[in-house]
């Protein structure tokens, strides 16, 4: 209590700007961090660089994220939400081929809605390969989905019973991430120009019997 009998004003947390909207400021930091990782990679990400581009002070950045690893994990969390939405849409299809095509369509729509975060997902996959300490759950979720697709294709007769599922799933996995690389660095303005070509290639024989060797 003050001498006048009035309660003391609450102290704001150190580093938080006066009058700042917490969620908006946090999202601004994440967006700038996402842009810097896409441009220069995780190794070049620094709070100094974020502060310079965002116009925020270092104490403000540290109020929201103690380390750059924490910021990276937060971006992965945001990206994982997009991937889970894409997977959920794809799983509504029963046919294995249609499931893969639905995933690609959902990915193209997500890329059109937020290309920065989607490009980060591709870079996060590459960064996890260079630094095993970084999270890689998104790639695992997509690979698990594709494992199920190939397994169902074999069980349903779209692929021969003697098919080794692992190499087929791995090929599909590489193609999905390859499409992401093309979207991120190929200069294509329409994501579906790439995903539709990939769908055509897969439908032409990868999950059907039309090109199987006799």
C-alpha atoms as a PDB file:
ATOM      1  CA  UNK A   1       0.000   0.000   0.000  1.00  0.00           C
ATOM      2  CA  UNK A   2       1.118   3.554  -0.652  1.00  0.00           C
ATOM      3  CA  UNK A   3       1.106   6.266   2.014  1.00  0.00           C
ATOM      4  CA  UNK A   4      -2.256   7.455   0.695  1.00  0.00           C
ATOM      5  CA  UNK A   5      -3.666   3.995   1.293  1.00  0.00           C
ATOM      6  CA  UNK A   6      -3.866   3.162  -2.409  1.00  0.00           C
ATOM      7  CA  UNK A   7      -2.540  -0.163  -3.756  1.00  0.00           C
ATOM      8  CA  UNK A   8       0.767   0.004  -5.552  1.00  0.00           C
ATOM      9  CA  UNK A   9       0.532  -0.428  -9.354  1.00  0.00           C
ATOM     10  CA  UNK A  10       1.527  -3.857 -10.637  1.00  0.00           C
ATOM     11  CA  UNK A  11       5.029  -3.999 -12.028  1.00  0.00           C
ATOM     12  CA  UNK A  12       5.273  -5.185 -15.600  1.00  0.00           C
ATOM     13  CA  UNK A  13       7.627  -8.034 -16.378  1.00  0.00           C
ATOM     14  CA  UNK A  14      11.189  -6.988 -17.243  1.00  0.00           C
ATOM     15  CA  UNK A  15      11.655  -6.282 -20.913  1.00  0.00           C
ATOM     16  CA  UNK A  16       8.017  -6.133 -21.888  1.00  0.00           C
ATOM     17  CA  UNK A  17       7.222  -2.867 -23.702  1.00  0.00           C
ATOM     18  CA  UNK A  18       4.613  -0.627 -22.149  1.00  0.00           C
ATOM     19  CA  UNK A  19       1.230  -1.035 -23.803  1.00  0.00           C
ATOM     20  CA  UNK A  20       2.405  -3.870 -26.030  1.00  0.00           C
ATOM     21  CA  UNK A  21      -0.022  -6.541 -27.100  1.00  0.00           C
ATOM     22  CA  UNK A  22       1.680  -9.736 -25.944  1.00  0.00           C
ATOM     23  CA  UNK A  23       0.380 -12.079 -28.632  1.00  0.00           C
ATOM     24  CA  UNK A  24       1.015  -9.599 -31.439  1.00  0.00           C
ATOM     25  CA  UNK A  25       4.560  -8.861 -30.287  1.00  0.00           C
ATOM     26  CA  UNK A  26       5.368 -12.539 -29.920  1.00  0.00           C
ATOM     27  CA  UNK A  27       4.044 -13.251 -33.406  1.00  0.00           C
ATOM     28  CA  UNK A  28       6.094 -10.377 -34.822  1.00  0.00           C
ATOM     29  CA  UNK A  29       9.248 -11.845 -33.297  1.00  0.00           C
ATOM     30  CA  UNK A  30       8.427 -15.284 -34.663  1.00  0.00           C
ATOM     31  CA  UNK A  31       7.796 -13.873 -38.119  1.00  0.00           C
ATOM     32  CA  UNK A  32      11.115 -12.025 -38.183  1.00  0.00           C
ATOM     33  CA  UNK A  33      12.939 -15.099 -36.891  1.00  0.00           C
ATOM     34  CA  UNK A  34      11.238 -17.185 -39.575  1.00  0.00           C
ATOM     35  CA  UNK A  35      12.361 -14.772 -42.290  1.00  0.00           C
ATOM     36  CA  UNK A  36      15.958 -14.755 -41.054  1.00  0.00           C
ATOM     37  CA  UNK A  37      16.157 -18.549 -40.886  1.00  0.00           C
ATOM     38  CA  UNK A  38      14.770 -18.811 -44.412  1.00  0.00           C
ATOM     39  CA  UNK A  39      17.321 -16.301 -45.664  1.00  0.00           C
ATOM     40  CA  UNK A  40      20.447 -17.316 -43.744  1.00  0.00           C
ATOM     41  CA  UNK A  41      19.831 -20.564 -41.871  1.00  0.00           C
ATOM     42  CA  UNK A  42      19.595 -21.337 -38.177  1.00  0.00           C
ATOM     43  CA  UNK A  43      23.342 -20.933 -37.589  1.00  0.00           C
ATOM     44  CA  UNK A  44      23.130 -17.266 -38.621  1.00  0.00           C
ATOM     45  CA  UNK A  45      20.081 -16.505 -36.460  1.00  0.00           C
ATOM     46  CA  UNK A  46      20.933 -14.035 -33.686  1.00  0.00           C
ATOM     47  CA  UNK A  47      18.918 -11.876 -31.321  1.00  0.00           C
ATOM     48  CA  UNK A  48      20.901  -8.922 -32.605  1.00  0.00           C
ATOM     49  CA  UNK A  49      19.651  -9.614 -36.117  1.00  0.00           C
ATOM     50  CA  UNK A  50      16.088 -10.070 -34.902  1.00  0.00           C
ATOM     51  CA  UNK A  51      16.240  -6.837 -32.910  1.00  0.00           C
ATOM     52  CA  UNK A  52      17.567  -4.899 -35.887  1.00  0.00           C
ATOM     53  CA  UNK A  53      14.870  -6.097 -38.254  1.00  0.00           C
ATOM     54  CA  UNK A  54      11.969  -6.129 -35.813  1.00  0.00           C
ATOM     55  CA  UNK A  55      12.678  -2.766 -34.204  1.00  0.00           C
ATOM     56  CA  UNK A  56      12.390  -4.346 -30.755  1.00  0.00           C
ATOM     57  CA  UNK A  57      14.921  -4.163 -27.940  1.00  0.00           C
ATOM     58  CA  UNK A  58      16.971  -7.109 -26.743  1.00  0.00           C
ATOM     59  CA  UNK A  59      15.194  -7.119 -23.341  1.00  0.00           C
ATOM     60  CA  UNK A  60      11.868  -7.343 -25.164  1.00  0.00           C
ATOM     61  CA  UNK A  61      13.093 -10.296 -27.218  1.00  0.00           C
ATOM     62  CA  UNK A  62      14.354 -12.039 -24.092  1.00  0.00           C
ATOM     63  CA  UNK A  63      11.015 -11.491 -22.391  1.00  0.00           C
ATOM     64  CA  UNK A  64       9.384 -13.719 -25.008  1.00  0.00           C
ATOM     65  CA  UNK A  65      12.241 -16.089 -25.888  1.00  0.00           C
ATOM     66  CA  UNK A  66      15.210 -16.847 -23.655  1.00  0.00           C
ATOM     67  CA  UNK A  67      17.262 -18.449 -26.448  1.00  0.00           C
ATOM     68  CA  UNK A  68      17.181 -18.831 -30.201  1.00  0.00           C
ATOM     69  CA  UNK A  69      16.562 -22.562 -29.695  1.00  0.00           C
ATOM     70  CA  UNK A  70      13.370 -21.668 -27.851  1.00  0.00           C
ATOM     71  CA  UNK A  71      12.314 -19.443 -30.748  1.00  0.00           C
ATOM     72  CA  UNK A  72      13.094 -22.215 -33.241  1.00  0.00           C
ATOM     73  CA  UNK A  73      11.010 -24.704 -31.260  1.00  0.00           C
ATOM     74  CA  UNK A  74       8.119 -22.219 -31.215  1.00  0.00           C
ATOM     75  CA  UNK A  75       8.287 -21.918 -35.008  1.00  0.00           C
ATOM     76  CA  UNK A  76       8.319 -25.707 -35.322  1.00  0.00           C
ATOM     77  CA  UNK A  77       5.224 -25.806 -33.122  1.00  0.00           C
ATOM     78  CA  UNK A  78       3.486 -23.291 -35.409  1.00  0.00           C
ATOM     79  CA  UNK A  79       4.533 -25.241 -38.484  1.00  0.00           C
ATOM     80  CA  UNK A  80       3.434 -28.536 -36.991  1.00  0.00           C
ATOM     81  CA  UNK A  81      -0.090 -27.176 -36.648  1.00  0.00           C
ATOM     82  CA  UNK A  82      -0.141 -26.565 -40.424  1.00  0.00           C
ATOM     83  CA  UNK A  83       1.211 -30.035 -41.170  1.00  0.00           C
ATOM     84  CA  UNK A  84      -1.329 -31.698 -38.893  1.00  0.00           C
ATOM     85  CA  UNK A  85      -4.139 -29.853 -40.678  1.00  0.00           C
ATOM     86  CA  UNK A  86      -2.811 -31.052 -44.035  1.00  0.00           C
ATOM     87  CA  UNK A  87      -2.524 -34.634 -42.781  1.00  0.00           C
ATOM     88  CA  UNK A  88      -6.015 -34.529 -41.292  1.00  0.00           C
ATOM     89  CA  UNK A  89      -7.448 -33.397 -44.639  1.00  0.00           C
ATOM     90  CA  UNK A  90      -5.547 -36.139 -46.471  1.00  0.00           C
ATOM     91  CA  UNK A  91      -6.683 -38.874 -44.091  1.00  0.00           C
ATOM     92  CA  UNK A  92     -10.297 -38.218 -45.014  1.00  0.00           C
ATOM     93  CA  UNK A  93      -9.625 -40.029 -48.295  1.00  0.00           C
ATOM     94  CA  UNK A  94      -9.819 -43.819 -48.289  1.00  0.00           C
ATOM     95  CA  UNK A  95      -7.909 -44.577 -51.475  1.00  0.00           C
ATOM     96  CA  UNK A  96      -4.106 -44.469 -50.910  1.00  0.00           C
ATOM     97  CA  UNK A  97      -3.395 -42.513 -54.090  1.00  0.00           C
ATOM     98  CA  UNK A  98      -6.137 -40.012 -53.358  1.00  0.00           C
ATOM     99  CA  UNK A  99      -4.729 -39.639 -49.859  1.00  0.00           C
ATOM    100  CA  UNK A 100      -1.320 -38.615 -51.216  1.00  0.00           C
ATOM    101  CA  UNK A 101      -2.903 -36.228 -53.722  1.00  0.00           C
ATOM    102  CA  UNK A 102      -5.036 -34.701 -50.973  1.00  0.00           C
ATOM    103  CA  UNK A 103      -1.904 -34.129 -48.904  1.00  0.00           C
ATOM    104  CA  UNK A 104      -0.207 -32.365 -51.797  1.00  0.00           C
ATOM    105  CA  UNK A 105      -3.295 -30.237 -52.475  1.00  0.00           C
ATOM    106  CA  UNK A 106      -3.475 -29.254 -48.801  1.00  0.00           C
ATOM    107  CA  UNK A 107       0.233 -28.412 -48.822  1.00  0.00           C
ATOM    108  CA  UNK A 108      -0.213 -26.173 -51.864  1.00  0.00           C
ATOM    109  CA  UNK A 109      -3.095 -24.354 -50.195  1.00  0.00           C
ATOM    110  CA  UNK A 110      -1.066 -23.922 -46.990  1.00  0.00           C
ATOM    111  CA  UNK A 111       1.866 -22.553 -48.975  1.00  0.00           C
ATOM    112  CA  UNK A 112      -0.354 -20.013 -50.703  1.00  0.00           C
ATOM    113  CA  UNK A 113      -1.735 -18.914 -47.318  1.00  0.00           C
ATOM    114  CA  UNK A 114       1.629 -18.596 -45.509  1.00  0.00           C
ATOM    115  CA  UNK A 115       4.680 -19.121 -47.741  1.00  0.00           C
ATOM    116  CA  UNK A 116       7.118 -17.848 -45.103  1.00  0.00           C
ATOM    117  CA  UNK A 117       6.175 -20.445 -42.486  1.00  0.00           C
ATOM    118  CA  UNK A 118       5.915 -23.231 -45.047  1.00  0.00           C
ATOM    119  CA  UNK A 119       9.373 -22.417 -46.373  1.00  0.00           C
ATOM    120  CA  UNK A 120      10.575 -22.568 -42.784  1.00  0.00           C
ATOM    121  CA  UNK A 121       9.261 -26.143 -42.570  1.00  0.00           C
ATOM    122  CA  UNK A 122      11.519 -27.119 -45.448  1.00  0.00           C
ATOM    123  CA  UNK A 123      14.480 -25.352 -43.872  1.00  0.00           C
ATOM    124  CA  UNK A 124      13.724 -26.908 -40.480  1.00  0.00           C
ATOM    125  CA  UNK A 125      13.892 -30.327 -42.129  1.00  0.00           C
ATOM    126  CA  UNK A 126      17.314 -29.479 -43.565  1.00  0.00           C
ATOM    127  CA  UNK A 127      18.514 -27.967 -40.291  1.00  0.00           C
ATOM    128  CA  UNK A 128      17.503 -31.104 -38.379  1.00  0.00           C
ATOM    129  CA  UNK A 129      19.691 -33.124 -40.728  1.00  0.00           C
ATOM    130  CA  UNK A 130      22.673 -30.924 -39.876  1.00  0.00           C
ATOM    131  CA  UNK A 131      21.867 -30.596 -36.179  1.00  0.00           C
ATOM    132  CA  UNK A 132      20.242 -33.698 -34.631  1.00  0.00           C
ATOM    133  CA  UNK A 133      19.472 -31.726 -31.469  1.00  0.00           C
ATOM    134  CA  UNK A 134      16.842 -29.716 -33.351  1.00  0.00           C
ATOM    135  CA  UNK A 135      13.281 -31.083 -33.481  1.00  0.00           C
ATOM    136  CA  UNK A 136      12.352 -33.313 -36.406  1.00  0.00           C
ATOM    137  CA  UNK A 137       8.860 -34.454 -35.449  1.00  0.00           C
ATOM    138  CA  UNK A 138       7.225 -32.921 -38.514  1.00  0.00           C
ATOM    139  CA  UNK A 139       9.229 -35.114 -40.889  1.00  0.00           C
ATOM    140  CA  UNK A 140       8.389 -38.120 -38.728  1.00  0.00           C
ATOM    141  CA  UNK A 141       4.659 -37.361 -38.891  1.00  0.00           C
ATOM    142  CA  UNK A 142       4.751 -37.137 -42.692  1.00  0.00           C
ATOM    143  CA  UNK A 143       6.816 -40.320 -42.968  1.00  0.00           C
ATOM    144  CA  UNK A 144       4.387 -42.196 -40.691  1.00  0.00           C
ATOM    145  CA  UNK A 145       1.516 -41.029 -42.900  1.00  0.00           C
ATOM    146  CA  UNK A 146       3.296 -42.258 -46.036  1.00  0.00           C
ATOM    147  CA  UNK A 147       4.167 -45.576 -44.389  1.00  0.00           C
ATOM    148  CA  UNK A 148       0.445 -46.098 -43.804  1.00  0.00           C
ATOM    149  CA  UNK A 149      -0.372 -45.084 -47.380  1.00  0.00           C
ATOM    150  CA  UNK A 150       2.047 -47.605 -48.852  1.00  0.00           C
ATOM    151  CA  UNK A 151       0.917 -50.313 -46.434  1.00  0.00           C
ATOM    152  CA  UNK A 152      -2.704 -49.753 -47.416  1.00  0.00           C
ATOM    153  CA  UNK A 153      -1.784 -49.771 -51.111  1.00  0.00           C
ATOM    154  CA  UNK A 154      -0.179 -53.176 -50.683  1.00  0.00           C
ATOM    155  CA  UNK A 155      -3.049 -54.515 -48.599  1.00  0.00           C
ATOM    156  CA  UNK A 156      -5.601 -53.247 -51.126  1.00  0.00           C
ATOM    157  CA  UNK A 157      -3.807 -54.691 -54.152  1.00  0.00           C
ATOM    158  CA  UNK A 158      -2.720 -51.397 -55.710  1.00  0.00           C
ATOM    159  CA  UNK A 159       0.853 -52.588 -55.154  1.00  0.00           C
ATOM    160  CA  UNK A 160       1.964 -56.240 -55.368  1.00  0.00           C
ATOM    161  CA  UNK A 161       1.974 -58.184 -52.120  1.00  0.00           C
ATOM    162  CA  UNK A 162       5.730 -58.750 -52.380  1.00  0.00           C
ATOM    163  CA  UNK A 163       6.470 -54.985 -52.490  1.00  0.00           C
ATOM    164  CA  UNK A 164       8.990 -53.801 -49.906  1.00  0.00           C
ATOM    165  CA  UNK A 165       7.094 -50.851 -48.380  1.00  0.00           C
ATOM    166  CA  UNK A 166      10.066 -49.009 -46.878  1.00  0.00           C
ATOM    167  CA  UNK A 167      11.778 -47.906 -50.140  1.00  0.00           C
ATOM    168  CA  UNK A 168       8.454 -46.832 -51.684  1.00  0.00           C
ATOM    169  CA  UNK A 169       7.549 -44.768 -48.611  1.00  0.00           C
ATOM    170  CA  UNK A 170      11.038 -43.270 -48.560  1.00  0.00           C
ATOM    171  CA  UNK A 171      10.736 -42.291 -52.221  1.00  0.00           C
ATOM    172  CA  UNK A 172       7.378 -40.625 -51.593  1.00  0.00           C
ATOM    173  CA  UNK A 173       8.868 -38.855 -48.577  1.00  0.00           C
ATOM    174  CA  UNK A 174      11.751 -37.514 -50.673  1.00  0.00           C
ATOM    175  CA  UNK A 175       9.343 -36.378 -53.385  1.00  0.00           C
ATOM    176  CA  UNK A 176       7.154 -34.487 -50.908  1.00  0.00           C
ATOM    177  CA  UNK A 177      10.121 -32.625 -49.432  1.00  0.00           C
ATOM    178  CA  UNK A 178      11.539 -32.128 -52.918  1.00  0.00           C
ATOM    179  CA  UNK A 179       8.319 -30.385 -53.881  1.00  0.00           C
ATOM    180  CA  UNK A 180       8.808 -28.161 -50.852  1.00  0.00           C
ATOM    181  CA  UNK A 181      12.316 -27.265 -52.015  1.00  0.00           C
ATOM    182  CA  UNK A 182      10.987 -26.369 -55.453  1.00  0.00           C
ATOM    183  CA  UNK A 183       8.295 -24.210 -53.901  1.00  0.00           C
ATOM    184  CA  UNK A 184      10.750 -22.467 -51.602  1.00  0.00           C
ATOM    185  CA  UNK A 185      13.577 -21.848 -54.020  1.00  0.00           C
ATOM    186  CA  UNK A 186      12.244 -22.475 -57.523  1.00  0.00           C
ATOM    187  CA  UNK A 187      10.595 -19.107 -57.938  1.00  0.00           C
ATOM    188  CA  UNK A 188       7.185 -20.623 -58.701  1.00  0.00           C
ATOM    189  CA  UNK A 189       4.321 -18.274 -57.960  1.00  0.00           C
ATOM    190  CA  UNK A 190       1.622 -20.964 -58.074  1.00  0.00           C
ATOM    191  CA  UNK A 191       2.333 -23.910 -55.717  1.00  0.00           C
ATOM    192  CA  UNK A 192      -0.142 -26.145 -57.544  1.00  0.00           C
ATOM    193  CA  UNK A 193       1.960 -26.014 -60.712  1.00  0.00           C
ATOM    194  CA  UNK A 194       4.441 -28.181 -58.818  1.00  0.00           C
ATOM    195  CA  UNK A 195       2.127 -30.327 -56.725  1.00  0.00           C
ATOM    196  CA  UNK A 196      -0.064 -31.204 -59.719  1.00  0.00           C
ATOM    197  CA  UNK A 197       2.994 -32.411 -61.641  1.00  0.00           C
ATOM    198  CA  UNK A 198       3.992 -34.554 -58.677  1.00  0.00           C
ATOM    199  CA  UNK A 199       0.466 -35.945 -58.397  1.00  0.00           C
ATOM    200  CA  UNK A 200       0.598 -36.852 -62.087  1.00  0.00           C
ATOM    201  CA  UNK A 201       3.924 -38.656 -61.645  1.00  0.00           C
ATOM    202  CA  UNK A 202       2.643 -40.636 -58.672  1.00  0.00           C
ATOM    203  CA  UNK A 203      -0.658 -41.494 -60.359  1.00  0.00           C
ATOM    204  CA  UNK A 204       1.260 -42.675 -63.422  1.00  0.00           C
ATOM    205  CA  UNK A 205       2.631 -45.709 -61.693  1.00  0.00           C
ATOM    206  CA  UNK A 206       4.082 -45.252 -58.231  1.00  0.00           C
ATOM    207  CA  UNK A 207       0.962 -46.418 -56.412  1.00  0.00           C
ATOM    208  CA  UNK A 208      -0.642 -48.354 -59.269  1.00  0.00           C
ATOM    209  CA  UNK A 209       0.177 -51.451 -61.278  1.00  0.00           C
ATOM    210  CA  UNK A 210       0.346 -49.641 -64.617  1.00  0.00           C
ATOM    211  CA  UNK A 211       4.158 -49.528 -64.744  1.00  0.00           C
ATOM    212  CA  UNK A 212       5.095 -52.609 -62.802  1.00  0.00           C
ATOM    213  CA  UNK A 213       7.755 -54.819 -64.276  1.00  0.00           C
ATOM    214  CA  UNK A 214       6.487 -58.178 -65.443  1.00  0.00           C
END
